[in-house]
Amino acid sequence: MNRTAMTHRILLPGLLLMLAGCATAQAPATVPAAESAPAAPATANIDIDLLARYAMETFDVPGMAVGVIKDGEVVYAAGHGLREAGQPGGVNTDTLFRLASVTKAFTAAAAAVMVDDGKLSWDGPVNQVLPALRMNDPWVTANISMVDLLAHRSGLPAHAGDLLLWPVPNAFTEDDIVAALQYFPLDAGFRNGYTYDNVLYIVAAQAIEQAGGTSWGETVDTRLMAPLGLDRCFAGVIPEEQMRNLAAPHGGRGSDWSVIERNRIPRQPDKFSPAGGIACSLDDMLTWVGTQLAGGVGPDGTAVFSPAAARTMWRPHNPLGVSGAEKQLHGTNFKAYGLGWRLRDVHGVMEVSHTGSLDGWRAHVVMAPDLGLGIVTLLNSSSSAARSAVSTQILYSYLDAPPIDWVGWYRDQQSSGGGSAEQDAEPDRGPVQPARPLARYTGQYADPWFGDVAITLDEGTLRFSADKAPKFTGPLLHHDGDLFLAQWDDREVGMDAWVRFVFDPAGRVTGVRMNRQMNSPSDLDHFRFLDLVPVDNAKEANR
């Protein structure tokens, strides 16, 4: 692939003027210009440098890397902005970013390698290679397949088990994750709908490890990264000498940007890596996308997975609904999930894509196979709007579709729908009921998959601490009656939770129920799956 950066000129003069005006008027002096290869003659239709700067200024993004591959050639690749706010060094095409859930396509491809080797089956029972796997239903346990895991059609509630993965660090192991699945109800119905779940990819990685005899990270690095020459893309341990030119994850906005320390790129892979932990540069991501568009064949002709496997991963395994808004806006008639990829049509063109979201990181890969087109957008902030606006603007520049300023569109959507108006505000509920004597709430509690929790009394304040998840440590502030609000000591965790103690008629605590304090419509309530009971009760139930 020819790694040259091509400056795209837009065919819509009004939009070009708008982009140029916003970029010029709002660009801060601290943001360096794009770092890219020398520009080649323009033959396409959009100035991506201006687009990136417009999006970064609109959505307060410190740094971004954007690349486009067309018909086997990289026609644009550039870094914009800062790797880390307040530190020298701009983003370039060699800067490492975390991919978050864009990683899932690598895990699906690692499974494809095992299928090609005859060591795994797409449709055979996973527990033939991973006997420890138990679901909440014996029939599902005996029949759940790799396709079921990778296409999110297990029947698990969406995001069940995410507390085993985040926030880091925690002490849960891959074995803990596999063992936990038996405790989650299959309320969506096995193979009866789409419920996105990260832990399924951890289970798939364990099956890959059992089938191939090497860890998931080693399989990805040796069977995918190395043959493709991806020397700045890592699933396993990152060599010390490669811990350079790293982007940092940011929270906050503008002058208040701060680095989310817990989510910096680590040398050692996290246990959630098969679901969202790969770190990669833009250059290597463009090679990866080019390999996908070529059906598993790399730039030097090396095939890392078979054409049959490529077709399987892009096959619609789990149909998704299409909203009226999607139909009107994108001309979409069809949506589905493949294996590590989302599929849909956009104005008559097939789109294969996936997003990645981790606190402080956003990633997006969009491919239009019929056009030979691939787009990669990597951010060191949590702005989903910026990610989507840039990718969509570039995609639409290749489509026969109405011209839209997608940065402005996402800005307006964010303004109109976002002000998460006090999700936890309550109407006047009358006098607050007092708590019982605080010592009545203290004790050891346990959940069968989350483990032990201690409620202690420290200088007149109740405190919550989870044995295997130390980030969930903090005071319990009284709200009403037996309801308290857990405010975690580490304010970066961002998932304060309601804690309600349940008492029997004799005044004894029989359980603790938890729910996340919702501050945004997009918040996920991972705590709702917990069923904490006093340790003595838990021991009695297990006898």
Protein backbone atom coordinates (compact mmCIF):
# COMPACT_ATOMS: atom_id res chain seq x y z
CA MET A 1 0.00 0.00 0.00
CA ASN A 2 1.26 3.46 -0.89
CA ARG A 3 1.51 5.43 2.36
CA THR A 4 1.06 8.95 1.03
CA ALA A 5 -1.27 11.54 2.43
CA MET A 6 -3.64 12.99 -0.10
CA THR A 7 -5.40 16.28 0.66
CA HIS A 8 -9.02 15.88 -0.39
CA ARG A 9 -10.83 18.90 -1.83
CA ILE A 10 -14.54 19.06 -1.27
CA LEU A 11 -16.89 19.51 -4.22
CA LEU A 12 -19.34 21.52 -2.13
CA PRO A 13 -18.03 25.12 -1.95
CA GLY A 14 -20.35 26.21 0.85
CA LEU A 15 -19.31 23.38 3.13
CA LEU A 16 -15.63 23.95 2.35
CA LEU A 17 -15.96 27.61 3.30
CA MET A 18 -17.78 26.67 6.48
CA LEU A 19 -15.08 24.15 7.44
CA ALA A 20 -12.31 26.59 6.67
CA GLY A 21 -14.00 29.37 8.63
CA CYS A 22 -14.56 27.25 11.72
CA ALA A 23 -11.08 25.79 11.60
CA THR A 24 -9.41 29.18 11.17
CA ALA A 25 -11.50 31.07 13.69
CA GLN A 26 -11.37 28.50 16.46
CA ALA A 27 -7.97 26.83 16.10
CA PRO A 28 -5.91 27.37 19.29
CA ALA A 29 -2.22 28.13 18.97
CA THR A 30 -1.35 25.13 21.14
CA VAL A 31 -2.69 22.59 18.64
CA PRO A 32 0.03 21.60 16.14
CA ALA A 33 -0.72 21.22 12.46
CA ALA A 34 -1.37 17.81 10.97
CA GLU A 35 1.67 15.52 11.00
CA SER A 36 1.53 13.43 7.86
CA ALA A 37 3.42 12.26 4.82
CA PRO A 38 3.86 14.76 1.95
CA ALA A 39 0.64 15.53 0.12
CA ALA A 40 -0.01 13.87 -3.23
CA PRO A 41 -2.04 15.49 -6.03
CA ALA A 42 -5.68 15.86 -5.00
CA THR A 43 -8.14 13.68 -6.86
CA ALA A 44 -11.00 13.31 -4.39
CA ASN A 45 -13.41 15.66 -2.73
CA ILE A 46 -12.84 16.74 0.85
CA ASP A 47 -10.18 18.57 2.86
CA ILE A 48 -9.76 16.21 5.80
CA ASP A 49 -7.23 18.46 7.53
CA LEU A 50 -9.89 21.16 7.85
CA LEU A 51 -12.56 18.61 8.78
CA ALA A 52 -10.45 17.18 11.60
CA ARG A 53 -9.65 20.61 13.00
CA TYR A 54 -13.31 21.67 12.79
CA ALA A 55 -14.40 18.54 14.69
CA MET A 56 -11.66 18.86 17.29
CA GLU A 57 -12.58 22.46 18.03
CA THR A 58 -16.32 21.80 18.04
CA PHE A 59 -16.08 18.87 20.44
CA ASP A 60 -12.94 19.79 22.47
CA VAL A 61 -10.76 16.90 21.33
CA PRO A 62 -7.03 17.10 22.21
CA GLY A 63 -5.77 14.77 19.50
CA MET A 64 -6.95 12.71 16.55
CA ALA A 65 -5.50 10.46 13.84
CA VAL A 66 -7.45 9.97 10.61
CA GLY A 67 -6.73 7.72 7.66
CA VAL A 68 -8.41 6.69 4.41
CA ILE A 69 -7.59 3.75 2.16
CA LYS A 70 -9.11 3.54 -1.33
CA ASP A 71 -8.62 0.70 -3.80
CA GLY A 72 -5.60 -0.64 -1.92
CA GLU A 73 -3.81 2.71 -1.53
CA VAL A 74 -3.63 4.94 1.53
CA VAL A 75 -4.88 8.24 0.15
CA TYR A 76 -4.85 10.11 3.45
CA ALA A 77 -3.11 9.53 6.77
CA ALA A 78 -2.41 12.26 9.30
CA GLY A 79 -2.29 13.06 12.97
CA HIS A 80 -3.82 16.22 14.42
CA GLY A 81 -3.46 17.91 17.77
CA LEU A 82 -1.71 16.77 20.93
CA ARG A 83 -0.83 13.34 22.25
CA GLU A 84 -1.24 14.67 25.79
CA ALA A 85 -2.59 18.00 26.93
CA GLY A 86 0.07 20.20 28.50
CA GLN A 87 2.92 18.08 27.14
CA PRO A 88 5.04 18.54 24.01
CA GLY A 89 4.48 16.25 21.06
CA GLY A 90 1.80 16.08 18.42
CA VAL A 91 -0.15 13.10 17.14
CA ASN A 92 1.25 11.47 14.01
CA THR A 93 0.49 8.30 12.06
CA ASP A 94 2.82 6.26 14.31
CA THR A 95 1.17 7.35 17.60
CA LEU A 96 -0.35 4.50 19.62
CA PHE A 97 -4.05 4.71 20.53
CA ARG A 98 -6.23 2.22 22.35
CA LEU A 99 -8.84 0.73 20.03
CA ALA A 100 -11.44 -0.21 22.66
CA SER A 101 -14.13 -2.36 21.00
CA VAL A 102 -12.60 -2.07 17.53
CA THR A 103 -10.46 -4.86 19.06
CA LYS A 104 -13.39 -7.26 18.66
CA ALA A 105 -12.66 -7.71 14.95
CA PHE A 106 -9.14 -8.94 15.85
CA THR A 107 -10.62 -11.48 18.27
CA ALA A 108 -13.05 -12.69 15.61
CA ALA A 109 -10.12 -12.99 13.18
CA ALA A 110 -8.12 -14.99 15.74
CA ALA A 111 -11.08 -17.36 15.99
CA ALA A 112 -11.08 -17.55 12.18
CA VAL A 113 -7.43 -18.61 12.25
CA MET A 114 -8.34 -21.44 14.64
CA VAL A 115 -11.25 -22.45 12.41
CA ASP A 116 -8.96 -22.46 9.37
CA ASP A 117 -6.54 -24.66 11.35
CA GLY A 118 -9.34 -27.11 12.15
CA LYS A 119 -8.99 -26.47 15.89
CA LEU A 120 -12.28 -24.63 16.37
CA SER A 121 -15.71 -24.72 14.79
CA TRP A 122 -17.87 -21.66 14.18
CA ASP A 123 -21.06 -23.54 15.05
CA GLY A 124 -19.92 -26.35 17.35
CA PRO A 125 -20.41 -26.17 21.14
CA VAL A 126 -17.79 -23.98 22.79
CA ASN A 127 -17.74 -26.14 25.90
CA GLN A 128 -16.14 -28.93 23.89
CA VAL A 129 -12.94 -26.87 24.02
CA LEU A 130 -13.82 -24.88 27.16
CA PRO A 131 -15.46 -27.30 29.60
CA ALA A 132 -15.57 -24.67 32.38
CA LEU A 133 -18.18 -22.68 30.46
CA ARG A 134 -21.61 -22.86 32.10
CA MET A 135 -24.56 -20.69 31.23
CA ASN A 136 -27.73 -20.19 33.25
CA ASP A 137 -29.51 -22.84 31.19
CA PRO A 138 -28.11 -26.39 30.65
CA TRP A 139 -29.30 -26.57 27.05
CA VAL A 140 -27.60 -23.27 26.23
CA THR A 141 -24.45 -24.49 27.97
CA ALA A 142 -24.41 -27.53 25.69
CA ASN A 143 -25.10 -25.59 22.48
CA ILE A 144 -23.64 -22.09 22.64
CA SER A 145 -21.17 -21.62 19.77
CA MET A 146 -18.38 -19.24 18.77
CA VAL A 147 -20.83 -17.50 16.45
CA ASP A 148 -23.24 -17.02 19.36
CA LEU A 149 -20.47 -15.46 21.45
CA LEU A 150 -19.07 -13.22 18.73
CA ALA A 151 -22.47 -12.10 17.35
CA HIS A 152 -23.92 -11.13 20.78
CA ARG A 153 -26.83 -13.55 20.60
CA SER A 154 -26.28 -15.48 23.84
CA GLY A 155 -29.42 -14.12 25.50
CA LEU A 156 -27.45 -12.46 28.30
CA PRO A 157 -28.64 -9.02 29.40
CA ALA A 158 -26.69 -6.29 27.62
CA HIS A 159 -23.31 -5.59 29.24
CA ALA A 160 -23.81 -8.28 31.90
CA GLY A 161 -20.56 -8.83 33.78
CA ASP A 162 -18.88 -5.55 32.83
CA LEU A 163 -18.11 -4.97 36.53
CA LEU A 164 -15.65 -7.87 36.20
CA LEU A 165 -13.74 -5.87 33.60
CA TRP A 166 -13.94 -2.21 34.63
CA PRO A 167 -12.82 -0.07 36.31
CA VAL A 168 -9.22 -1.22 36.42
CA PRO A 169 -7.28 -2.33 38.30
CA ASN A 170 -9.25 -5.17 39.81
CA ALA A 171 -8.49 -8.73 40.91
CA PHE A 172 -10.92 -10.68 38.75
CA THR A 173 -9.36 -13.32 36.51
CA GLU A 174 -10.39 -14.76 33.16
CA ASP A 175 -11.52 -17.88 35.05
CA ASP A 176 -13.73 -15.68 37.27
CA ILE A 177 -15.32 -14.21 34.14
CA VAL A 178 -16.11 -17.61 32.63
CA ALA A 179 -17.46 -18.88 35.96
CA ALA A 180 -19.69 -15.82 36.41
CA LEU A 181 -21.82 -16.50 33.33
CA GLN A 182 -23.88 -19.16 35.09
CA TYR A 183 -25.29 -16.48 37.44
CA PHE A 184 -26.70 -14.14 34.78
CA PRO A 185 -30.24 -14.84 33.55
CA LEU A 186 -30.76 -15.34 29.82
CA ASP A 187 -33.65 -12.91 29.82
CA ALA A 188 -33.26 -11.91 26.17
CA GLY A 189 -33.67 -15.48 24.93
CA PHE A 190 -30.88 -17.54 23.41
CA ARG A 191 -30.38 -16.68 19.71
CA ASN A 192 -33.37 -14.41 19.98
CA GLY A 193 -31.98 -10.92 19.58
CA TYR A 194 -28.96 -8.70 20.01
CA THR A 195 -27.59 -7.92 23.47
CA TYR A 196 -24.08 -6.48 23.36
CA ASP A 197 -21.79 -8.05 25.92
CA ASN A 198 -18.04 -7.65 26.41
CA VAL A 199 -17.52 -10.76 28.55
CA LEU A 200 -18.55 -12.97 25.63
CA TYR A 201 -15.34 -11.92 23.88
CA ILE A 202 -13.31 -12.86 26.96
CA VAL A 203 -14.92 -16.30 26.82
CA ALA A 204 -14.20 -16.54 23.08
CA ALA A 205 -10.56 -15.68 23.79
CA GLN A 206 -10.37 -18.43 26.40
CA ALA A 207 -11.70 -20.88 23.80
CA ILE A 208 -9.08 -19.65 21.31
CA GLU A 209 -6.39 -20.19 23.95
CA GLN A 210 -7.59 -23.73 24.73
CA ALA A 211 -7.83 -24.61 21.04
CA GLY A 212 -4.48 -23.17 19.98
CA GLY A 213 -2.37 -23.75 23.07
CA THR A 214 -1.20 -20.13 23.27
CA SER A 215 -2.72 -17.05 24.88
CA TRP A 216 -5.13 -14.85 22.97
CA GLY A 217 -2.55 -12.06 22.86
CA GLU A 218 0.17 -14.32 21.49
CA THR A 219 -2.20 -15.77 18.90
CA VAL A 220 -3.19 -12.32 17.65
CA ASP A 221 0.38 -11.02 17.67
CA THR A 222 1.95 -14.03 15.94
CA ARG A 223 -0.83 -15.11 13.57
CA LEU A 224 -2.22 -11.68 12.57
CA MET A 225 0.08 -8.79 13.51
CA ALA A 226 3.44 -10.31 12.58
CA PRO A 227 2.53 -11.69 9.12
CA LEU A 228 1.01 -8.32 8.20
CA GLY A 229 4.02 -6.37 9.46
CA LEU A 230 2.01 -4.56 12.11
CA ASP A 231 4.94 -3.64 14.33
CA ARG A 232 3.00 -0.84 16.05
CA CYS A 233 -0.10 -2.87 16.90
CA PHE A 234 -0.17 -4.96 20.09
CA ALA A 235 -2.53 -7.48 21.64
CA GLY A 236 -0.02 -9.03 24.04
CA VAL A 237 2.85 -7.50 25.99
CA ILE A 238 4.18 -4.28 24.45
CA PRO A 239 7.99 -4.33 24.28
CA GLU A 240 9.61 -1.63 26.40
CA GLU A 241 11.21 0.02 23.38
CA GLN A 242 7.76 0.39 21.80
CA MET A 243 6.38 2.35 24.77
CA ARG A 244 6.96 5.62 22.94
CA ASN A 245 4.84 8.10 21.00
CA LEU A 246 1.80 7.21 23.12
CA ALA A 247 -1.48 9.09 23.11
CA ALA A 248 -3.04 9.63 26.53
CA PRO A 249 -6.76 9.31 27.38
CA HIS A 250 -8.45 12.57 28.31
CA GLY A 251 -11.50 13.59 30.26
CA GLY A 252 -12.92 17.09 30.65
CA ARG A 253 -13.04 19.83 28.04
CA GLY A 254 -10.64 22.43 26.67
CA SER A 255 -8.64 24.11 29.44
CA ASP A 256 -9.94 21.49 31.88
CA TRP A 257 -8.59 18.47 30.02
CA SER A 258 -7.16 15.90 32.40
CA VAL A 259 -5.52 12.54 31.76
CA ILE A 260 -7.49 9.49 32.88
CA GLU A 261 -4.50 7.73 34.41
CA ARG A 262 -6.08 4.31 34.88
CA ASN A 263 -6.71 4.04 31.14
CA ARG A 264 -3.25 4.90 29.83
CA ILE A 265 -1.80 2.36 27.41
CA PRO A 266 -0.33 -0.44 29.58
CA ARG A 267 2.63 -2.66 28.69
CA GLN A 268 0.83 -5.75 30.00
CA PRO A 269 -2.53 -6.62 28.44
CA ASP A 270 -5.62 -6.27 30.60
CA LYS A 271 -7.98 -9.18 31.07
CA PHE A 272 -10.57 -7.26 29.04
CA SER A 273 -8.12 -6.98 26.11
CA PRO A 274 -9.99 -9.45 23.82
CA ALA A 275 -13.03 -7.19 24.10
CA GLY A 276 -11.29 -3.83 23.95
CA GLY A 277 -7.60 -3.69 24.80
CA ILE A 278 -5.50 -3.60 21.63
CA ALA A 279 -3.25 -0.56 21.10
CA CYS A 280 -2.40 0.36 17.52
CA SER A 281 -1.09 3.17 15.33
CA LEU A 282 -2.99 4.69 12.45
CA ASP A 283 -0.48 3.33 9.93
CA ASP A 284 -0.97 -0.23 11.14
CA MET A 285 -4.74 0.16 11.36
CA LEU A 286 -4.81 1.16 7.71
CA THR A 287 -2.90 -2.01 6.84
CA TRP A 288 -5.41 -3.99 8.91
CA VAL A 289 -8.37 -2.36 7.17
CA GLY A 290 -6.76 -2.95 3.79
CA THR A 291 -6.38 -6.62 4.72
CA GLN A 292 -10.05 -6.78 5.65
CA LEU A 293 -11.06 -5.21 2.35
CA ALA A 294 -8.84 -7.75 0.55
CA GLY A 295 -10.56 -10.72 2.20
CA GLY A 296 -7.73 -11.55 4.61
CA VAL A 297 -4.80 -10.89 2.26
CA GLY A 298 -2.10 -8.48 3.43
CA PRO A 299 -0.19 -5.93 1.35
CA ASP A 300 2.55 -8.42 0.40
CA GLY A 301 0.07 -11.13 -0.59
CA THR A 302 0.16 -13.03 2.73
CA ALA A 303 -3.23 -14.48 3.65
CA VAL A 304 -3.84 -14.44 7.40
CA PHE A 305 -7.32 -15.99 7.18
CA SER A 306 -9.21 -17.70 4.41
CA PRO A 307 -11.76 -16.14 2.03
CA ALA A 308 -14.38 -18.43 3.61
CA ALA A 309 -13.55 -17.03 7.05
CA ALA A 310 -13.70 -13.48 5.69
CA ARG A 311 -17.18 -14.12 4.33
CA THR A 312 -18.29 -15.66 7.64
CA MET A 313 -17.14 -12.64 9.66
CA TRP A 314 -19.03 -10.25 7.37
CA ARG A 315 -22.15 -12.40 7.18
CA PRO A 316 -25.23 -11.07 9.04
CA HIS A 317 -25.54 -13.45 12.00
CA ASN A 318 -27.79 -11.31 14.18
CA PRO A 319 -30.41 -9.00 12.62
CA LEU A 320 -30.90 -5.54 14.11
CA GLY A 321 -33.81 -3.18 13.82
CA VAL A 322 -33.73 -0.07 11.63
CA SER A 323 -35.25 3.08 13.09
CA GLY A 324 -37.27 5.57 11.10
CA ALA A 325 -34.56 8.16 11.70
CA GLU A 326 -31.88 5.87 10.24
CA LYS A 327 -34.05 5.17 7.23
CA GLN A 328 -34.64 8.85 6.61
CA LEU A 329 -31.10 10.05 7.35
CA HIS A 330 -28.97 7.28 5.83
CA GLY A 331 -31.38 5.46 3.54
CA THR A 332 -30.81 2.37 5.66
CA ASN A 333 -33.01 -0.68 5.04
CA PHE A 334 -30.94 -3.40 6.69
CA LYS A 335 -28.77 -3.73 9.82
CA ALA A 336 -27.10 -6.72 11.45
CA TYR A 337 -24.14 -7.79 13.53
CA GLY A 338 -21.56 -10.07 11.96
CA LEU A 339 -18.58 -11.36 13.93
CA GLY A 340 -16.82 -8.36 15.44
CA TRP A 341 -18.43 -6.08 12.83
CA ARG A 342 -21.65 -4.14 12.39
CA LEU A 343 -23.30 -4.29 8.98
CA ARG A 344 -25.82 -2.01 7.26
CA ASP A 345 -26.60 -0.29 3.96
CA VAL A 346 -26.08 3.46 3.58
CA HIS A 347 -27.68 5.08 0.53
CA GLY A 348 -27.42 1.85 -1.43
CA VAL A 349 -23.84 1.00 -0.36
CA MET A 350 -22.87 -1.81 2.02
CA GLU A 351 -21.11 -0.56 5.18
CA VAL A 352 -19.00 -2.71 7.53
CA SER A 353 -17.97 -0.87 10.69
CA HIS A 354 -17.31 -0.89 14.40
CA THR A 355 -16.85 1.74 17.07
CA GLY A 356 -14.64 1.60 20.14
CA SER A 357 -15.37 3.43 23.41
CA LEU A 358 -13.31 3.44 26.59
CA ASP A 359 -13.04 6.34 29.03
CA GLY A 360 -10.69 8.78 27.34
CA TRP A 361 -10.57 6.92 24.01
CA ARG A 362 -12.74 6.69 20.91
CA ALA A 363 -12.09 4.70 17.73
CA HIS A 364 -14.03 4.07 14.54
CA VAL A 365 -13.44 1.86 11.52
CA VAL A 366 -15.81 2.25 8.56
CA MET A 367 -15.53 0.25 5.34
CA ALA A 368 -17.52 0.38 2.12
CA PRO A 369 -16.29 -2.82 0.42
CA ASP A 370 -18.06 -2.14 -2.88
CA LEU A 371 -16.17 1.15 -3.11
CA GLY A 372 -12.85 -0.31 -1.97
CA LEU A 373 -12.99 2.28 0.81
CA GLY A 374 -11.82 2.17 4.42
CA ILE A 375 -11.77 4.95 7.03
CA VAL A 376 -10.02 4.94 10.42
CA THR A 377 -10.59 7.59 13.09
CA LEU A 378 -8.74 7.44 16.45
CA LEU A 379 -9.24 9.94 19.31
CA ASN A 380 -7.67 10.50 22.72
CA SER A 381 -10.93 11.77 24.21
CA SER A 382 -14.41 10.45 24.94
CA SER A 383 -16.16 12.39 22.18
CA SER A 384 -18.34 9.93 20.28
CA ALA A 385 -19.79 12.85 18.32
CA ALA A 386 -16.38 13.90 16.97
CA ARG A 387 -15.53 10.33 16.01
CA SER A 388 -18.80 9.80 14.16
CA ALA A 389 -18.83 13.21 12.51
CA VAL A 390 -15.40 12.80 10.93
CA SER A 391 -15.98 9.22 9.76
CA THR A 392 -19.42 10.01 8.38
CA GLN A 393 -18.29 13.17 6.58
CA ILE A 394 -15.53 11.24 4.81
CA LEU A 395 -17.81 8.33 3.93
CA TYR A 396 -20.49 10.64 2.56
CA SER A 397 -17.94 12.40 0.37
CA TYR A 398 -17.78 9.15 -1.62
CA LEU A 399 -21.53 8.52 -1.75
CA ASP A 400 -24.31 9.75 -3.98
CA ALA A 401 -26.09 11.36 -1.05
CA PRO A 402 -27.31 14.82 -0.01
CA PRO A 403 -24.54 17.11 1.33
CA ILE A 404 -24.66 17.51 5.10
CA ASP A 405 -22.33 19.23 7.56
CA TRP A 406 -21.97 16.22 9.85
CA VAL A 407 -19.96 18.05 12.50
CA GLY A 408 -22.78 20.57 12.79
CA TRP A 409 -25.38 17.82 12.73
CA TYR A 410 -23.75 15.92 15.62
CA ARG A 411 -23.20 19.20 17.49
CA ASP A 412 -26.89 20.01 17.19
CA GLN A 413 -27.90 16.49 18.22
CA GLN A 414 -25.65 16.73 21.25
CA SER A 415 -27.15 20.09 22.18
CA SER A 416 -30.77 19.08 21.73
CA GLY A 417 -30.61 15.64 23.34
CA GLY A 418 -27.92 15.96 25.69
CA GLY A 419 -28.40 17.93 28.54
CA SER A 420 -29.15 15.02 30.61
CA ALA A 421 -31.61 16.76 32.65
CA GLU A 422 -31.29 15.56 36.15
CA GLN A 423 -31.98 11.90 35.62
CA ASP A 424 -31.95 11.34 39.35
CA ALA A 425 -33.96 14.38 40.35
CA GLU A 426 -37.08 13.47 42.27
CA PRO A 427 -40.34 15.28 42.87
CA ASP A 428 -41.03 16.48 46.38
CA ARG A 429 -41.12 13.24 48.35
CA GLY A 430 -41.99 14.70 51.70
CA PRO A 431 -39.91 14.36 54.85
CA VAL A 432 -36.77 12.23 54.60
CA GLN A 433 -37.02 9.08 56.67
CA PRO A 434 -34.11 8.67 59.08
CA ALA A 435 -31.66 5.82 58.82
CA ARG A 436 -31.50 3.08 61.41
CA PRO A 437 -28.52 3.14 63.78
CA LEU A 438 -25.62 2.95 61.33
CA ALA A 439 -24.05 -0.08 63.02
CA ARG A 440 -27.12 -2.09 61.88
CA TYR A 441 -25.92 -1.82 58.26
CA THR A 442 -22.34 -2.94 58.82
CA GLY A 443 -21.06 -6.39 58.02
CA GLN A 444 -19.64 -8.65 55.32
CA TYR A 445 -21.75 -9.26 52.22
CA ALA A 446 -21.16 -11.52 49.24
CA ASP A 447 -22.36 -11.93 45.66
CA PRO A 448 -21.74 -15.26 43.90
CA TRP A 449 -19.82 -13.67 40.98
CA PHE A 450 -18.69 -10.27 42.30
CA GLY A 451 -17.29 -11.60 45.56
CA ASP A 452 -17.07 -10.04 49.02
CA VAL A 453 -18.09 -6.53 50.03
CA ALA A 454 -17.48 -4.92 53.43
CA ILE A 455 -19.74 -2.24 54.93
CA THR A 456 -17.86 -0.59 57.79
CA LEU A 457 -18.38 2.38 60.10
CA ASP A 458 -15.59 4.95 60.14
CA GLU A 459 -15.95 8.02 62.35
CA GLY A 460 -19.70 8.11 62.00
CA THR A 461 -19.77 7.41 58.23
CA LEU A 462 -20.61 4.13 56.53
CA ARG A 463 -18.05 2.99 53.96
CA PHE A 464 -18.35 0.50 51.12
CA SER A 465 -15.39 -1.53 49.86
CA ALA A 466 -15.31 -4.39 47.34
CA ASP A 467 -12.65 -7.03 47.92
CA LYS A 468 -11.78 -7.70 44.26
CA ALA A 469 -12.70 -4.26 42.87
CA PRO A 470 -10.78 -1.70 44.96
CA LYS A 471 -11.99 1.23 42.85
CA PHE A 472 -15.41 0.64 44.40
CA THR A 473 -14.41 2.09 47.77
CA GLY A 474 -16.07 5.13 49.29
CA PRO A 475 -18.56 6.60 51.76
CA LEU A 476 -22.27 5.78 51.83
CA LEU A 477 -24.21 9.04 52.15
CA HIS A 478 -27.68 8.74 53.63
CA HIS A 479 -30.52 9.59 51.25
CA ASP A 480 -33.78 8.29 52.70
CA GLY A 481 -34.62 5.46 55.06
CA ASP A 482 -32.45 2.47 54.16
CA LEU A 483 -31.26 4.04 50.88
CA PHE A 484 -27.72 5.45 50.61
CA LEU A 485 -25.58 6.85 47.81
CA ALA A 486 -22.10 5.36 47.35
CA GLN A 487 -19.65 8.05 46.25
CA TRP A 488 -16.39 6.40 45.24
CA ASP A 489 -13.17 7.90 46.58
CA ASP A 490 -11.67 7.89 43.08
CA ARG A 491 -13.90 10.42 41.35
CA GLU A 492 -12.62 9.31 37.93
CA VAL A 493 -14.60 6.08 38.32
CA GLY A 494 -17.75 8.03 37.54
CA MET A 495 -20.27 5.36 38.55
CA ASP A 496 -21.70 6.41 41.90
CA ALA A 497 -24.40 3.99 42.97
CA TRP A 498 -27.57 3.80 45.00
CA VAL A 499 -27.30 1.21 47.78
CA ARG A 500 -30.50 -0.06 49.38
CA PHE A 501 -30.45 -2.36 52.41
CA VAL A 502 -33.28 -4.89 52.66
CA PHE A 503 -34.48 -5.93 56.14
CA ASP A 504 -36.74 -8.75 57.28
CA PRO A 505 -39.60 -8.19 59.77
CA ALA A 506 -37.24 -9.04 62.63
CA GLY A 507 -34.97 -6.15 61.66
CA ARG A 508 -32.14 -8.23 60.21
CA VAL A 509 -30.42 -7.30 56.94
CA THR A 510 -31.24 -9.92 54.31
CA GLY A 511 -29.66 -8.30 51.27
CA VAL A 512 -28.27 -5.27 49.52
CA ARG A 513 -29.49 -4.04 46.14
CA MET A 514 -27.56 -1.57 43.99
CA ASN A 515 -28.28 0.64 40.99
CA ARG A 516 -26.15 3.20 39.24
CA GLN A 517 -26.90 6.87 39.79
CA MET A 518 -27.93 7.82 36.27
CA ASN A 519 -26.55 11.15 35.05
CA SER A 520 -27.03 10.60 31.32
CA PRO A 521 -29.43 8.59 29.14
CA SER A 522 -26.39 6.66 27.86
CA ASP A 523 -25.30 5.48 31.31
CA LEU A 524 -25.33 1.70 31.82
CA ASP A 525 -26.44 0.23 35.15
CA HIS A 526 -23.92 -2.56 35.70
CA PHE A 527 -24.81 -2.77 39.40
CA ARG A 528 -28.32 -4.09 38.77
CA PHE A 529 -26.95 -7.64 38.40
CA LEU A 530 -25.58 -7.72 41.96
CA ASP A 531 -27.33 -9.78 44.64
CA LEU A 532 -25.40 -9.10 47.83
CA VAL A 533 -26.40 -11.06 50.93
CA PRO A 534 -24.84 -11.27 54.39
CA VAL A 535 -21.91 -13.69 54.31
CA ASP A 536 -23.51 -16.02 56.86
CA ASN A 537 -26.60 -16.28 54.63
CA ALA A 538 -24.42 -16.94 51.59
CA LYS A 539 -22.59 -19.75 53.38
CA GLU A 540 -25.89 -21.28 54.44
CA ALA A 541 -27.23 -21.13 50.87
CA ASN A 542 -24.14 -22.91 49.54
CA ARG A 543 -24.31 -25.82 51.98
